[in-house]
Amino acid sequence: MDHVIEINDDYSKRLDWDNLKSLCYSCHSIKTHGEKKRRQKETVSGYWLIEQIKQIKRKDNKK
């Protein structure tokens, strides 16, 4: 079984029957791998954005 909307994306849907879908092992693995890559990109871009904001704040504090 696969969670259509990942538990990491919306924990409240973890027990929702409408959020479950039957997938074969290989399809589930492909989907899960793709979701992991998407989350990693979001984390990296989110980290980059936070660092940019910190740099701007540091520059403003020096003025």
Protein backbone atom coordinates (compact mmCIF):
# COMPACT_ATOMS: atom_id res chain seq x y z
CA MET A 1 0.00 0.00 0.00
CA ASP A 2 1.10 3.51 -0.77
CA HIS A 3 0.13 6.80 0.81
CA VAL A 4 -0.90 9.01 -2.11
CA ILE A 5 -0.05 12.08 -0.06
CA GLU A 6 3.10 11.18 1.83
CA ILE A 7 2.91 11.03 5.63
CA ASN A 8 5.83 13.48 5.73
CA ASP A 9 3.76 15.95 3.73
CA ASP A 10 0.49 15.61 5.68
CA TYR A 11 0.60 13.49 8.82
CA SER A 12 -3.15 13.84 9.36
CA LYS A 13 -3.83 11.73 6.24
CA ARG A 14 -1.87 8.72 7.50
CA LEU A 15 -5.05 6.79 8.45
CA ASP A 16 -7.30 8.13 5.67
CA TRP A 17 -8.49 5.23 3.49
CA ASP A 18 -8.93 7.62 0.54
CA ASN A 19 -5.22 8.39 0.77
CA LEU A 20 -4.16 4.78 0.17
CA LYS A 21 -3.38 3.21 -3.16
CA SER A 22 -2.26 -0.29 -4.06
CA LEU A 23 1.08 -0.31 -5.89
CA CYS A 24 3.40 -3.13 -6.86
CA TYR A 25 6.77 -3.23 -5.10
CA SER A 26 8.75 -1.70 -7.99
CA CYS A 27 6.24 1.13 -8.59
CA HIS A 28 6.17 1.92 -4.87
CA SER A 29 9.99 2.01 -4.80
CA ILE A 30 10.13 4.37 -7.77
CA LYS A 31 7.53 6.70 -6.23
CA THR A 32 9.22 6.64 -2.82
CA HIS A 33 12.64 7.37 -4.35
CA GLY A 34 11.19 10.31 -6.30
CA GLU A 35 9.53 11.72 -3.17
CA LYS A 36 12.80 11.45 -1.22
CA LYS A 37 14.64 13.36 -3.94
CA ARG A 38 11.93 16.05 -3.96
CA ARG A 39 12.16 16.47 -0.18
CA GLN A 40 15.97 16.69 -0.35
CA LYS A 41 15.75 19.45 -2.96
CA GLU A 42 13.23 21.34 -0.84
CA THR A 43 15.48 21.01 2.20
CA VAL A 44 18.53 22.21 0.30
CA SER A 45 16.69 25.15 -1.27
CA GLY A 46 15.10 26.00 2.09
CA TYR A 47 18.51 25.90 3.75
CA TRP A 48 19.93 28.14 1.01
CA LEU A 49 17.13 30.66 1.50
CA ILE A 50 17.63 30.74 5.28
CA GLU A 51 21.36 31.34 4.81
CA GLN A 52 20.68 34.19 2.39
CA ILE A 53 18.33 35.84 4.88
CA LYS A 54 20.92 35.49 7.64
CA GLN A 55 23.55 37.16 5.45
CA ILE A 56 21.24 40.08 4.68
CA LYS A 57 20.45 40.53 8.37
CA ARG A 58 24.16 40.49 9.23
CA LYS A 59 24.84 43.19 6.62
CA ASP A 60 21.94 45.30 7.96
CA ASN A 61 23.25 45.01 11.52
CA LYS A 62 26.70 46.24 10.47
CA LYS A 63 25.27 49.48 9.05
